[in-house]
PDB file of N, CA and C in Angstrom:
ATOM      1  N   GLN A   1      92.705 101.429 -24.060  1.00  0.00           N
ATOM      2  CA  GLN A   1      92.611 101.463 -22.008  1.00  0.00           C
ATOM      3  C   GLN A   1      94.651 101.873 -21.906  1.00  0.00           C
ATOM      4  N   VAL A   2      94.678 102.270 -20.395  1.00  0.00           N
ATOM      5  CA  VAL A   2      96.064 102.676 -19.676  1.00  0.00           C
ATOM      6  C   VAL A   2      96.746 101.128 -19.471  1.00  0.00           C
ATOM      7  N   GLN A   3      98.320 101.077 -20.048  1.00  0.00           N
ATOM      8  CA  GLN A   3      99.144 100.314 -18.984  1.00  0.00           C
ATOM      9  C   GLN A   3     100.018 100.958 -18.104  1.00  0.00           C
ATOM     10  N   LEU A   4     100.712 100.520 -17.403  1.00  0.00           N
ATOM     11  CA  LEU A   4     101.215 100.904 -17.021  1.00  0.00           C
ATOM     12  C   LEU A   4     102.446  99.984 -16.409  1.00  0.00           C
ATOM     13  N   VAL A   5     103.416 100.214 -16.617  1.00  0.00           N
ATOM     14  CA  VAL A   5     104.605  99.264 -16.117  1.00  0.00           C
ATOM     15  C   VAL A   5     105.929  99.908 -15.366  1.00  0.00           C
ATOM     16  N   GLU A   6     106.373  99.010 -14.227  1.00  0.00           N
ATOM     17  CA  GLU A   6     107.663  99.254 -13.018  1.00  0.00           C
ATOM     18  C   GLU A   6     108.514  98.462 -13.215  1.00  0.00           C
ATOM     19  N   SER A   7     109.433  99.013 -13.729  1.00  0.00           N
ATOM     20  CA  SER A   7     110.932  99.021 -13.732  1.00  0.00           C
ATOM     21  C   SER A   7     111.630  99.291 -12.331  1.00  0.00           C
ATOM     22  N   GLY A   8     112.958  98.498 -12.713  1.00  0.00           N
ATOM     23  CA  GLY A   8     113.949  98.864 -10.815  1.00  0.00           C
ATOM     24  C   GLY A   8     113.742  97.899  -9.794  1.00  0.00           C
ATOM     25  N   GLY A   9     113.208  97.327  -9.605  1.00  0.00           N
ATOM     26  CA  GLY A   9     113.157  96.747  -8.029  1.00  0.00           C
ATOM     27  C   GLY A   9     114.343  95.711  -7.730  1.00  0.00           C
ATOM     28  N   GLY A  10     114.362  95.131  -7.017  1.00  0.00           N
ATOM     29  CA  GLY A  10     115.659  94.430  -7.174  1.00  0.00           C
ATOM     30  C   GLY A  10     115.650  93.990  -5.129  1.00  0.00           C
ATOM     31  N   LEU A  11     117.230  93.424  -5.155  1.00  0.00           N
ATOM     32  CA  LEU A  11     117.499  93.240  -4.235  1.00  0.00           C
ATOM     33  C   LEU A  11     118.767  94.161  -3.837  1.00  0.00           C
ATOM     34  N   VAL A  12     118.373  94.632  -2.033  1.00  0.00           N
ATOM     35  CA  VAL A  12     119.818  95.779  -2.010  1.00  0.00           C
ATOM     36  C   VAL A  12     119.923  95.598  -0.218  1.00  0.00           C
ATOM     37  N   GLN A  13     120.732  95.972  -0.199  1.00  0.00           N
ATOM     38  CA  GLN A  13     121.312  95.459   1.473  1.00  0.00           C
ATOM     39  C   GLN A  13     120.567  96.358   2.145  1.00  0.00           C
ATOM     40  N   ALA A  14     120.156  96.183   3.616  1.00  0.00           N
ATOM     41  CA  ALA A  14     119.782  97.872   4.342  1.00  0.00           C
ATOM     42  C   ALA A  14     120.585  98.990   3.918  1.00  0.00           C
ATOM     43  N   GLY A  15     120.750 100.066   3.782  1.00  0.00           N
ATOM     44  CA  GLY A  15     121.047 101.294   3.948  1.00  0.00           C
ATOM     45  C   GLY A  15     121.477 101.778   2.502  1.00  0.00           C
ATOM     46  N   GLY A  16     121.238 101.098   1.774  1.00  0.00           N
ATOM     47  CA  GLY A  16     121.478 100.880   0.671  1.00  0.00           C
ATOM     48  C   GLY A  16     119.765 101.684  -0.519  1.00  0.00           C
ATOM     49  N   SER A  17     120.261 101.730  -1.189  1.00  0.00           N
ATOM     50  CA  SER A  17     118.869 102.802  -2.219  1.00  0.00           C
ATOM     51  C   SER A  17     118.563 101.581  -3.929  1.00  0.00           C
ATOM     52  N   LEU A  18     117.646 102.364  -4.178  1.00  0.00           N
ATOM     53  CA  LEU A  18     116.855 101.796  -5.641  1.00  0.00           C
ATOM     54  C   LEU A  18     116.362 102.989  -6.122  1.00  0.00           C
ATOM     55  N   ARG A  19     116.169 102.681  -7.193  1.00  0.00           N
ATOM     56  CA  ARG A  19     114.900 103.855  -7.815  1.00  0.00           C
ATOM     57  C   ARG A  19     114.282 103.138  -8.953  1.00  0.00           C
ATOM     58  N   LEU A  20     112.827 103.523  -8.207  1.00  0.00           N
ATOM     59  CA  LEU A  20     111.942 102.265  -9.246  1.00  0.00           C
ATOM     60  C   LEU A  20     111.183 103.745 -10.296  1.00  0.00           C
ATOM     61  N   SER A  21     110.713 102.880 -12.110  1.00  0.00           N
ATOM     62  CA  SER A  21     110.044 103.466 -12.566  1.00  0.00           C
ATOM     63  C   SER A  21     108.709 103.201 -12.979  1.00  0.00           C
ATOM     64  N   CYS A  22     108.159 103.905 -13.521  1.00  0.00           N
ATOM     65  CA  CYS A  22     106.768 103.862 -13.787  1.00  0.00           C
ATOM     66  C   CYS A  22     106.309 104.358 -15.340  1.00  0.00           C
ATOM     67  N   ALA A  23     106.129 103.696 -16.187  1.00  0.00           N
ATOM     68  CA  ALA A  23     105.756 104.281 -17.806  1.00  0.00           C
ATOM     69  C   ALA A  23     104.678 104.013 -18.197  1.00  0.00           C
ATOM     70  N   ALA A  24     103.697 104.897 -18.554  1.00  0.00           N
ATOM     71  CA  ALA A  24     102.336 104.763 -18.588  1.00  0.00           C
ATOM     72  C   ALA A  24     102.163 104.991 -20.679  1.00  0.00           C
ATOM     73  N   SER A  25     101.049 104.191 -20.526  1.00  0.00           N
ATOM     74  CA  SER A  25     101.110 104.115 -22.969  1.00  0.00           C
ATOM     75  C   SER A  25      99.907 103.310 -22.497  1.00  0.00           C
ATOM     76  N   GLY A  26      99.143 103.878 -24.267  1.00  0.00           N
ATOM     77  CA  GLY A  26      97.857 103.454 -24.411  1.00  0.00           C
ATOM     78  C   GLY A  26      97.485 104.657 -24.569  1.00  0.00           C
ATOM     79  N   ASP A  27      96.194 104.694 -24.986  1.00  0.00           N
ATOM     80  CA  ASP A  27      94.475 105.694 -25.012  1.00  0.00           C
ATOM     81  C   ASP A  27      94.904 106.497 -24.281  1.00  0.00           C
ATOM     82  N   ILE A  28      95.516 107.535 -24.159  1.00  0.00           N
ATOM     83  CA  ILE A  28      95.974 108.038 -22.633  1.00  0.00           C
ATOM     84  C   ILE A  28      95.517 109.713 -22.958  1.00  0.00           C
ATOM     85  N   PHE A  29      94.723 110.104 -22.495  1.00  0.00           N
ATOM     86  CA  PHE A  29      94.210 111.852 -23.010  1.00  0.00           C
ATOM     87  C   PHE A  29      95.183 112.069 -21.947  1.00  0.00           C
ATOM     88  N   MET A  30      94.871 112.227 -20.694  1.00  0.00           N
ATOM     89  CA  MET A  30      94.841 112.632 -19.178  1.00  0.00           C
ATOM     90  C   MET A  30      95.489 111.978 -18.563  1.00  0.00           C
ATOM     91  N   ILE A  31      96.534 112.400 -17.434  1.00  0.00           N
ATOM     92  CA  ILE A  31      97.283 111.487 -16.515  1.00  0.00           C
ATOM     93  C   ILE A  31      96.886 112.458 -15.374  1.00  0.00           C
ATOM     94  N   ASN A  32      96.073 112.246 -13.997  1.00  0.00           N
ATOM     95  CA  ASN A  32      95.670 113.185 -13.074  1.00  0.00           C
ATOM     96  C   ASN A  32      96.664 112.702 -12.488  1.00  0.00           C
ATOM     97  N   ASP A  33      96.594 112.520 -10.946  1.00  0.00           N
ATOM     98  CA  ASP A  33      96.950 111.923  -9.714  1.00  0.00           C
ATOM     99  C   ASP A  33      98.035 110.790  -9.885  1.00  0.00           C
ATOM    100  N   MET A  34      99.434 110.287 -10.166  1.00  0.00           N
ATOM    101  CA  MET A  34     100.037 109.658  -9.809  1.00  0.00           C
ATOM    102  C   MET A  34     100.437 108.882  -8.521  1.00  0.00           C
ATOM    103  N   ALA A  35     100.775 107.862  -8.192  1.00  0.00           N
ATOM    104  CA  ALA A  35     101.190 107.422  -6.710  1.00  0.00           C
ATOM    105  C   ALA A  35     101.853 105.993  -6.860  1.00  0.00           C
ATOM    106  N   TRP A  36     102.543 105.822  -6.307  1.00  0.00           N
ATOM    107  CA  TRP A  36     102.990 104.030  -5.598  1.00  0.00           C
ATOM    108  C   TRP A  36     102.555 103.857  -4.596  1.00  0.00           C
ATOM    109  N   TYR A  37     102.649 102.564  -4.256  1.00  0.00           N
ATOM    110  CA  TYR A  37     101.838 102.161  -3.342  1.00  0.00           C
ATOM    111  C   TYR A  37     102.693 100.252  -3.287  1.00  0.00           C
ATOM    112  N   ARG A  38     102.694 100.080  -1.975  1.00  0.00           N
ATOM    113  CA  ARG A  38     103.377  99.070  -1.984  1.00  0.00           C
ATOM    114  C   ARG A  38     102.522  97.840  -0.998  1.00  0.00           C
ATOM    115  N   GLN A  39     103.109  96.560  -1.111  1.00  0.00           N
ATOM    116  CA  GLN A  39     101.908  95.824  -0.412  1.00  0.00           C
ATOM    117  C   GLN A  39     103.343  94.403   0.243  1.00  0.00           C
ATOM    118  N   ALA A  40     103.669  93.866   1.712  1.00  0.00           N
ATOM    119  CA  ALA A  40     103.798  93.144   1.717  1.00  0.00           C
ATOM    120  C   ALA A  40     103.415  91.555   2.328  1.00  0.00           C
ATOM    121  N   PRO A  41     104.199  90.988   2.354  1.00  0.00           N
ATOM    122  CA  PRO A  41     103.459  89.604   1.897  1.00  0.00           C
ATOM    123  C   PRO A  41     102.451  89.522   3.549  1.00  0.00           C
ATOM    124  N   GLY A  42     101.588  89.667   3.407  1.00  0.00           N
ATOM    125  CA  GLY A  42     100.278  89.533   4.422  1.00  0.00           C
ATOM    126  C   GLY A  42     100.433  90.419   4.837  1.00  0.00           C
ATOM    127  N   LYS A  43     100.172  92.044   4.406  1.00  0.00           N
ATOM    128  CA  LYS A  43      99.796  92.794   5.048  1.00  0.00           C
ATOM    129  C   LYS A  43      98.746  93.641   3.397  1.00  0.00           C
ATOM    130  N   GLN A  44      98.053  94.335   4.323  1.00  0.00           N
ATOM    131  CA  GLN A  44      97.461  95.218   2.836  1.00  0.00           C
ATOM    132  C   GLN A  44      98.269  96.183   1.723  1.00  0.00           C
ATOM    133  N   ARG A  45      97.708  96.489   1.337  1.00  0.00           N
ATOM    134  CA  ARG A  45      98.059  97.208   0.063  1.00  0.00           C
ATOM    135  C   ARG A  45      98.614  98.865   1.042  1.00  0.00           C
ATOM    136  N   GLU A  46      99.663  99.467   0.676  1.00  0.00           N
ATOM    137  CA  GLU A  46      99.493 100.925   1.877  1.00  0.00           C
ATOM    138  C   GLU A  46      99.889 102.100   0.375  1.00  0.00           C
ATOM    139  N   LEU A  47      99.304 103.463   0.278  1.00  0.00           N
ATOM    140  CA  LEU A  47     100.262 104.175   0.014  1.00  0.00           C
ATOM    141  C   LEU A  47     101.094 104.442   0.178  1.00  0.00           C
ATOM    142  N   VAL A  48     102.101 104.630  -0.461  1.00  0.00           N
ATOM    143  CA  VAL A  48     103.908 105.316   0.036  1.00  0.00           C
ATOM    144  C   VAL A  48     104.033 106.831  -0.423  1.00  0.00           C
ATOM    145  N   THR A  49     103.720 107.173  -1.792  1.00  0.00           N
ATOM    146  CA  THR A  49     103.865 108.143  -1.601  1.00  0.00           C
ATOM    147  C   THR A  49     102.609 108.765  -3.306  1.00  0.00           C
ATOM    148  N   SER A  50     102.661 109.913  -3.241  1.00  0.00           N
ATOM    149  CA  SER A  50     101.623 110.667  -4.235  1.00  0.00           C
ATOM    150  C   SER A  50     102.014 111.407  -4.731  1.00  0.00           C
ATOM    151  N   VAL A  51     101.729 112.075  -6.175  1.00  0.00           N
ATOM    152  CA  VAL A  51     101.869 113.261  -6.604  1.00  0.00           C
ATOM    153  C   VAL A  51     100.474 113.754  -7.412  1.00  0.00           C
ATOM    154  N   THR A  52     100.242 114.847  -7.759  1.00  0.00           N
ATOM    155  CA  THR A  52      99.089 115.855  -8.395  1.00  0.00           C
ATOM    156  C   THR A  52      99.913 115.753  -9.276  1.00  0.00           C
ATOM    157  N   ARG A  53      98.622 116.412 -10.442  1.00  0.00           N
ATOM    158  CA  ARG A  53      99.123 116.835 -11.738  1.00  0.00           C
ATOM    159  C   ARG A  53     100.009 117.903 -11.230  1.00  0.00           C
ATOM    160  N   GLY A  54      99.524 118.727 -10.432  1.00  0.00           N
ATOM    161  CA  GLY A  54      99.942 119.805  -9.856  1.00  0.00           C
ATOM    162  C   GLY A  54     101.399 120.044  -9.714  1.00  0.00           C
ATOM    163  N   GLY A  55     101.576 119.441  -9.386  1.00  0.00           N
ATOM    164  CA  GLY A  55     102.391 118.334  -8.514  1.00  0.00           C
ATOM    165  C   GLY A  55     103.158 118.816  -7.431  1.00  0.00           C
ATOM    166  N   GLU A  56     101.212 118.780  -6.390  1.00  0.00           N
ATOM    167  CA  GLU A  56     101.339 118.609  -4.854  1.00  0.00           C
ATOM    168  C   GLU A  56     101.879 117.482  -4.709  1.00  0.00           C
ATOM    169  N   ILE A  57     102.983 117.093  -3.765  1.00  0.00           N
ATOM    170  CA  ILE A  57     103.673 115.408  -3.221  1.00  0.00           C
ATOM    171  C   ILE A  57     103.247 115.316  -1.361  1.00  0.00           C
ATOM    172  N   ASN A  58     102.196 114.418  -1.376  1.00  0.00           N
ATOM    173  CA  ASN A  58     102.592 113.536   0.032  1.00  0.00           C
ATOM    174  C   ASN A  58     102.860 112.274   0.345  1.00  0.00           C
ATOM    175  N   TYR A  59     103.662 112.144   1.291  1.00  0.00           N
ATOM    176  CA  TYR A  59     104.550 110.775   1.688  1.00  0.00           C
ATOM    177  C   TYR A  59     103.681 110.192   2.844  1.00  0.00           C
ATOM    178  N   ALA A  60     103.661 108.933   3.225  1.00  0.00           N
ATOM    179  CA  ALA A  60     104.158 108.404   3.903  1.00  0.00           C
ATOM    180  C   ALA A  60     104.614 108.569   4.809  1.00  0.00           C
ATOM    181  N   ASP A  61     104.238 108.409   6.281  1.00  0.00           N
ATOM    182  CA  ASP A  61     105.405 108.313   7.431  1.00  0.00           C
ATOM    183  C   ASP A  61     106.223 108.231   7.378  1.00  0.00           C
ATOM    184  N   SER A  62     106.251 106.157   7.000  1.00  0.00           N
ATOM    185  CA  SER A  62     107.253 105.712   6.708  1.00  0.00           C
ATOM    186  C   SER A  62     108.714 106.022   5.517  1.00  0.00           C
ATOM    187  N   ALA A  63     107.858 106.794   4.732  1.00  0.00           N
ATOM    188  CA  ALA A  63     108.820 107.368   3.314  1.00  0.00           C
ATOM    189  C   ALA A  63     108.943 108.724   3.860  1.00  0.00           C
ATOM    190  N   ARG A  64     109.083 109.189   4.229  1.00  0.00           N
ATOM    191  CA  ARG A  64     108.865 110.997   4.206  1.00  0.00           C
ATOM    192  C   ARG A  64     110.600 110.713   4.853  1.00  0.00           C
ATOM    193  N   GLY A  65     111.381 111.971   4.336  1.00  0.00           N
ATOM    194  CA  GLY A  65     112.799 112.047   4.377  1.00  0.00           C
ATOM    195  C   GLY A  65     113.968 110.876   3.782  1.00  0.00           C
ATOM    196  N   ARG A  66     112.951 109.941   3.640  1.00  0.00           N
ATOM    197  CA  ARG A  66     114.032 109.288   2.558  1.00  0.00           C
ATOM    198  C   ARG A  66     113.325 108.732   0.806  1.00  0.00           C
ATOM    199  N   PHE A  67     112.963 108.826   0.738  1.00  0.00           N
ATOM    200  CA  PHE A  67     111.690 108.642  -0.745  1.00  0.00           C
ATOM    201  C   PHE A  67     111.526 110.116  -0.873  1.00  0.00           C
ATOM    202  N   ALA A  68     111.631 109.711  -2.818  1.00  0.00           N
ATOM    203  CA  ALA A  68     111.376 110.964  -3.304  1.00  0.00           C
ATOM    204  C   ALA A  68     110.693 110.876  -4.369  1.00  0.00           C
ATOM    205  N   ILE A  69     109.446 111.356  -4.735  1.00  0.00           N
ATOM    206  CA  ILE A  69     108.764 111.205  -6.670  1.00  0.00           C
ATOM    207  C   ILE A  69     108.970 112.197  -6.929  1.00  0.00           C
ATOM    208  N   SER A  70     108.852 111.686  -7.856  1.00  0.00           N
ATOM    209  CA  SER A  70     109.003 112.308  -9.665  1.00  0.00           C
ATOM    210  C   SER A  70     107.763 112.074 -10.319  1.00  0.00           C
ATOM    211  N   ARG A  71     107.978 112.858 -11.517  1.00  0.00           N
ATOM    212  CA  ARG A  71     106.885 112.824 -12.231  1.00  0.00           C
ATOM    213  C   ARG A  71     107.240 113.433 -13.801  1.00  0.00           C
ATOM    214  N   ASP A  72     106.914 113.880 -14.933  1.00  0.00           N
ATOM    215  CA  ASP A  72     107.038 114.079 -16.485  1.00  0.00           C
ATOM    216  C   ASP A  72     105.877 113.762 -16.810  1.00  0.00           C
ATOM    217  N   LEU A  73     105.294 115.066 -16.967  1.00  0.00           N
ATOM    218  CA  LEU A  73     104.273 115.148 -17.573  1.00  0.00           C
ATOM    219  C   LEU A  73     103.963 115.019 -18.823  1.00  0.00           C
ATOM    220  N   PHE A  74     105.060 115.102 -19.605  1.00  0.00           N
ATOM    221  CA  PHE A  74     104.806 115.115 -21.138  1.00  0.00           C
ATOM    222  C   PHE A  74     105.187 113.648 -21.548  1.00  0.00           C
ATOM    223  N   LYS A  75     105.836 112.888 -21.166  1.00  0.00           N
ATOM    224  CA  LYS A  75     106.810 111.265 -20.978  1.00  0.00           C
ATOM    225  C   LYS A  75     105.239 111.058 -20.461  1.00  0.00           C
ATOM    226  N   ASN A  76     104.650 110.826 -19.488  1.00  0.00           N
ATOM    227  CA  ASN A  76     103.375 110.152 -18.653  1.00  0.00           C
ATOM    228  C   ASN A  76     104.581 109.092 -17.838  1.00  0.00           C
ATOM    229  N   THR A  77     105.618 109.552 -17.332  1.00  0.00           N
ATOM    230  CA  THR A  77     106.933 109.063 -16.157  1.00  0.00           C
ATOM    231  C   THR A  77     106.966 108.941 -15.438  1.00  0.00           C
ATOM    232  N   MET A  78     107.135 108.667 -13.751  1.00  0.00           N
ATOM    233  CA  MET A  78     107.326 109.239 -12.910  1.00  0.00           C
ATOM    234  C   MET A  78     108.067 107.804 -11.917  1.00  0.00           C
ATOM    235  N   SER A  79     108.717 108.284 -11.071  1.00  0.00           N
ATOM    236  CA  SER A  79     109.865 107.442 -10.760  1.00  0.00           C
ATOM    237  C   SER A  79     110.008 107.933  -8.890  1.00  0.00           C
ATOM    238  N   LEU A  80     110.440 107.072  -8.131  1.00  0.00           N
ATOM    239  CA  LEU A  80     110.672 106.739  -6.820  1.00  0.00           C
ATOM    240  C   LEU A  80     112.326 106.459  -6.378  1.00  0.00           C
ATOM    241  N   GLN A  81     112.493 107.168  -6.159  1.00  0.00           N
ATOM    242  CA  GLN A  81     113.851 107.840  -5.465  1.00  0.00           C
ATOM    243  C   GLN A  81     113.998 107.031  -4.016  1.00  0.00           C
ATOM    244  N   MET A  82     114.583 105.595  -3.833  1.00  0.00           N
ATOM    245  CA  MET A  82     114.327 105.721  -1.796  1.00  0.00           C
ATOM    246  C   MET A  82     115.528 104.770  -1.651  1.00  0.00           C
ATOM    247  N   HIS A  83     115.740 105.506  -0.751  1.00  0.00           N
ATOM    248  CA  HIS A  83     117.018 105.808  -0.128  1.00  0.00           C
ATOM    249  C   HIS A  83     116.801 105.166   1.295  1.00  0.00           C
ATOM    250  N   SER A  84     118.020 105.101   2.096  1.00  0.00           N
ATOM    251  CA  SER A  84     118.262 104.762   3.176  1.00  0.00           C
ATOM    252  C   SER A  84     117.410 103.336   3.789  1.00  0.00           C
ATOM    253  N   LEU A  85     117.392 102.681   2.430  1.00  0.00           N
ATOM    254  CA  LEU A  85     116.223 101.671   2.621  1.00  0.00           C
ATOM    255  C   LEU A  85     116.153 100.464   4.197  1.00  0.00           C
ATOM    256  N   LYS A  86     114.884 100.140   4.564  1.00  0.00           N
ATOM    257  CA  LYS A  86     115.080  98.628   5.809  1.00  0.00           C
ATOM    258  C   LYS A  86     114.418  98.303   5.390  1.00  0.00           C
ATOM    259  N   ALA A  87     115.053  97.120   6.510  1.00  0.00           N
ATOM    260  CA  ALA A  87     114.127  95.211   6.058  1.00  0.00           C
ATOM    261  C   ALA A  87     112.531  95.804   6.014  1.00  0.00           C
ATOM    262  N   GLU A  88     112.237  96.903   6.488  1.00  0.00           N
ATOM    263  CA  GLU A  88     110.427  96.820   6.577  1.00  0.00           C
ATOM    264  C   GLU A  88     110.241  97.213   5.098  1.00  0.00           C
ATOM    265  N   ASP A  89     110.556  97.533   4.251  1.00  0.00           N
ATOM    266  CA  ASP A  89     110.709  98.743   2.932  1.00  0.00           C
ATOM    267  C   ASP A  89     110.495  97.350   1.459  1.00  0.00           C
ATOM    268  N   THR A  90     110.813  96.376   2.484  1.00  0.00           N
ATOM    269  CA  THR A  90     110.104  94.767   1.361  1.00  0.00           C
ATOM    270  C   THR A  90     108.594  94.858   1.459  1.00  0.00           C
ATOM    271  N   ALA A  91     109.007  94.677  -0.452  1.00  0.00           N
ATOM    272  CA  ALA A  91     106.967  95.074  -0.474  1.00  0.00           C
ATOM    273  C   ALA A  91     107.190  94.491  -1.663  1.00  0.00           C
ATOM    274  N   VAL A  92     106.116  94.624  -2.624  1.00  0.00           N
ATOM    275  CA  VAL A  92     105.822  95.102  -3.992  1.00  0.00           C
ATOM    276  C   VAL A  92     105.546  96.189  -4.185  1.00  0.00           C
ATOM    277  N   TYR A  93     106.221  96.522  -4.924  1.00  0.00           N
ATOM    278  CA  TYR A  93     105.901  98.548  -5.290  1.00  0.00           C
ATOM    279  C   TYR A  93     104.861  98.477  -6.282  1.00  0.00           C
ATOM    280  N   TYR A  94     103.662  98.942  -6.282  1.00  0.00           N
ATOM    281  CA  TYR A  94     102.728  99.419  -7.774  1.00  0.00           C
ATOM    282  C   TYR A  94     102.818 100.776  -8.061  1.00  0.00           C
ATOM    283  N   CYS A  95     102.774 100.553  -9.196  1.00  0.00           N
ATOM    284  CA  CYS A  95     102.404 102.120  -9.727  1.00  0.00           C
ATOM    285  C   CYS A  95     100.531 102.367  -9.755  1.00  0.00           C
ATOM    286  N   ASN A  96     100.322 103.415  -9.525  1.00  0.00           N
ATOM    287  CA  ASN A  96      99.233 104.007 -10.154  1.00  0.00           C
ATOM    288  C   ASN A  96      99.005 105.001 -10.849  1.00  0.00           C
ATOM    289  N   ALA A  97      97.690 104.838 -11.193  1.00  0.00           N
ATOM    290  CA  ALA A  97      97.321 106.544 -12.273  1.00  0.00           C
ATOM    291  C   ALA A  97      96.437 106.313 -12.677  1.00  0.00           C
ATOM    292  N   GLN A  98      95.584 107.974 -12.471  1.00  0.00           N
ATOM    293  CA  GLN A  98      94.170 108.464 -12.341  1.00  0.00           C
ATOM    294  C   GLN A  98      94.580 108.875 -13.638  1.00  0.00           C
ATOM    295  N   ALA A  99      93.405 108.137 -14.656  1.00  0.00           N
ATOM    296  CA  ALA A  99      93.856 108.580 -16.438  1.00  0.00           C
ATOM    297  C   ALA A  99      92.443 108.261 -16.627  1.00  0.00           C
ATOM    298  N   SER A 100      92.401 109.129 -17.744  1.00  0.00           N
ATOM    299  CA  SER A 100      90.968 109.599 -18.909  1.00  0.00           C
ATOM    300  C   SER A 100      92.026 109.241 -19.902  1.00  0.00           C
ATOM    301  N   VAL A 101      90.757 108.293 -20.653  1.00  0.00           N
ATOM    302  CA  VAL A 101      91.184 108.383 -21.717  1.00  0.00           C
ATOM    303  C   VAL A 101      90.591 109.148 -23.320  1.00  0.00           C
ATOM    304  N   SER A 102      89.080 110.424 -22.592  1.00  0.00           N
ATOM    305  CA  SER A 102      88.866 110.773 -23.765  1.00  0.00           C
ATOM    306  C   SER A 102      88.853 112.248 -23.065  1.00  0.00           C
ATOM    307  N   ALA A 103      88.102 112.952 -23.555  1.00  0.00           N
ATOM    308  CA  ALA A 103      88.545 114.867 -23.210  1.00  0.00           C
ATOM    309  C   ALA A 103      87.059 114.428 -22.449  1.00  0.00           C
ATOM    310  N   TRP A 104      86.365 113.502 -22.337  1.00  0.00           N
ATOM    311  CA  TRP A 104      84.637 113.262 -21.862  1.00  0.00           C
ATOM    312  C   TRP A 104      84.455 112.616 -20.635  1.00  0.00           C
ATOM    313  N   GLY A 105      85.671 111.897 -20.987  1.00  0.00           N
ATOM    314  CA  GLY A 105      85.744 110.303 -20.633  1.00  0.00           C
ATOM    315  C   GLY A 105      85.932 111.185 -18.148  1.00  0.00           C
ATOM    316  N   THR A 106      85.823 110.264 -17.904  1.00  0.00           N
ATOM    317  CA  THR A 106      86.146 110.031 -16.335  1.00  0.00           C
ATOM    318  C   THR A 106      87.531 109.381 -16.113  1.00  0.00           C
ATOM    319  N   PHE A 107      87.984 109.118 -14.725  1.00  0.00           N
ATOM    320  CA  PHE A 107      89.418 109.254 -14.302  1.00  0.00           C
ATOM    321  C   PHE A 107      89.032 108.174 -13.708  1.00  0.00           C
ATOM    322  N   LEU A 108      89.604 106.702 -14.222  1.00  0.00           N
ATOM    323  CA  LEU A 108      89.245 105.656 -13.333  1.00  0.00           C
ATOM    324  C   LEU A 108      90.865 105.658 -12.875  1.00  0.00           C
ATOM    325  N   PRO A 109      91.128 104.727 -12.034  1.00  0.00           N
ATOM    326  CA  PRO A 109      93.066 104.443 -11.757  1.00  0.00           C
ATOM    327  C   PRO A 109      92.624 102.934 -12.169  1.00  0.00           C
ATOM    328  N   TYR A 110      94.051 103.051 -12.946  1.00  0.00           N
ATOM    329  CA  TYR A 110      95.066 101.437 -13.039  1.00  0.00           C
ATOM    330  C   TYR A 110      96.262 101.237 -12.169  1.00  0.00           C
ATOM    331  N   TRP A 111      96.753 100.408 -12.642  1.00  0.00           N
ATOM    332  CA  TRP A 111      97.973  99.860 -11.640  1.00  0.00           C
ATOM    333  C   TRP A 111      98.713  99.105 -12.863  1.00  0.00           C
ATOM    334  N   GLY A 112      99.944  99.243 -12.712  1.00  0.00           N
ATOM    335  CA  GLY A 112     101.156  98.032 -13.106  1.00  0.00           C
ATOM    336  C   GLY A 112     101.207  96.991 -12.334  1.00  0.00           C
ATOM    337  N   GLN A 113     101.353  96.219 -13.018  1.00  0.00           N
ATOM    338  CA  GLN A 113     101.669  94.689 -12.485  1.00  0.00           C
ATOM    339  C   GLN A 113     102.979  94.626 -11.288  1.00  0.00           C
ATOM    340  N   GLY A 114     103.599  95.702 -10.537  1.00  0.00           N
ATOM    341  CA  GLY A 114     104.195  95.394  -9.414  1.00  0.00           C
ATOM    342  C   GLY A 114     105.446  95.680 -10.074  1.00  0.00           C
ATOM    343  N   THR A 115     106.661  95.812  -8.944  1.00  0.00           N
ATOM    344  CA  THR A 115     107.774  95.203  -9.152  1.00  0.00           C
ATOM    345  C   THR A 115     108.418  94.758  -7.386  1.00  0.00           C
ATOM    346  N   GLN A 116     109.111  93.618  -7.829  1.00  0.00           N
ATOM    347  CA  GLN A 116     109.600  93.530  -5.542  1.00  0.00           C
ATOM    348  C   GLN A 116     110.954  94.296  -5.215  1.00  0.00           C
ATOM    349  N   VAL A 117     110.744  94.843  -4.301  1.00  0.00           N
ATOM    350  CA  VAL A 117     111.737  95.482  -3.304  1.00  0.00           C
ATOM    351  C   VAL A 117     112.511  94.604  -2.602  1.00  0.00           C
ATOM    352  N   THR A 118     113.472  93.738  -2.337  1.00  0.00           N
ATOM    353  CA  THR A 118     113.855  93.071  -1.464  1.00  0.00           C
ATOM    354  C   THR A 118     114.784  93.993  -0.280  1.00  0.00           C
ATOM    355  N   VAL A 119     114.939  94.240   0.293  1.00  0.00           N
ATOM    356  CA  VAL A 119     116.083  94.967   1.252  1.00  0.00           C
ATOM    357  C   VAL A 119     116.600  94.345   2.580  1.00  0.00           C
ATOM    358  N   SER A 120     117.878  93.166   2.198  1.00  0.00           N
ATOM    359  CA  SER A 120     118.130  92.528   2.978  1.00  0.00           C
ATOM    360  C   SER A 120     119.033  93.374   4.275  1.00  0.00           C
ATOM    361  N   SER A 121     118.304  92.579   6.078  1.00  0.00           N
ATOM    362  CA  SER A 121     119.320  93.052   7.077  1.00  0.00           C
ATOM    363  C   SER A 121     120.975  92.914   7.296  1.00  0.00           C
TER     364      SER A 121
END
């Protein structure tokens, strides 16, 4: 199995910055796409940003220009640098990875437990 562990969440004032990290471990053969999702209270989980194995990056409109995703293919880690945080960025942030545990296995989605980001206005 594959485990994802997020870290770096916390409380920050509006306009501040935070850096989230995600580390993947376990019986990993290969990780394809990785992504950050978030879920605010009473709302559906939404995609914030994603990065393919080849380095192609996509951002939600709400994140573009303020957030930056990065990943290390060799360490199986991913980070999210967030700047100019707003109250509406308050949510639980989840790490997601499409991973395979063998050369002939299918790529399945794995999720971290989430890390809380709270932005005070």
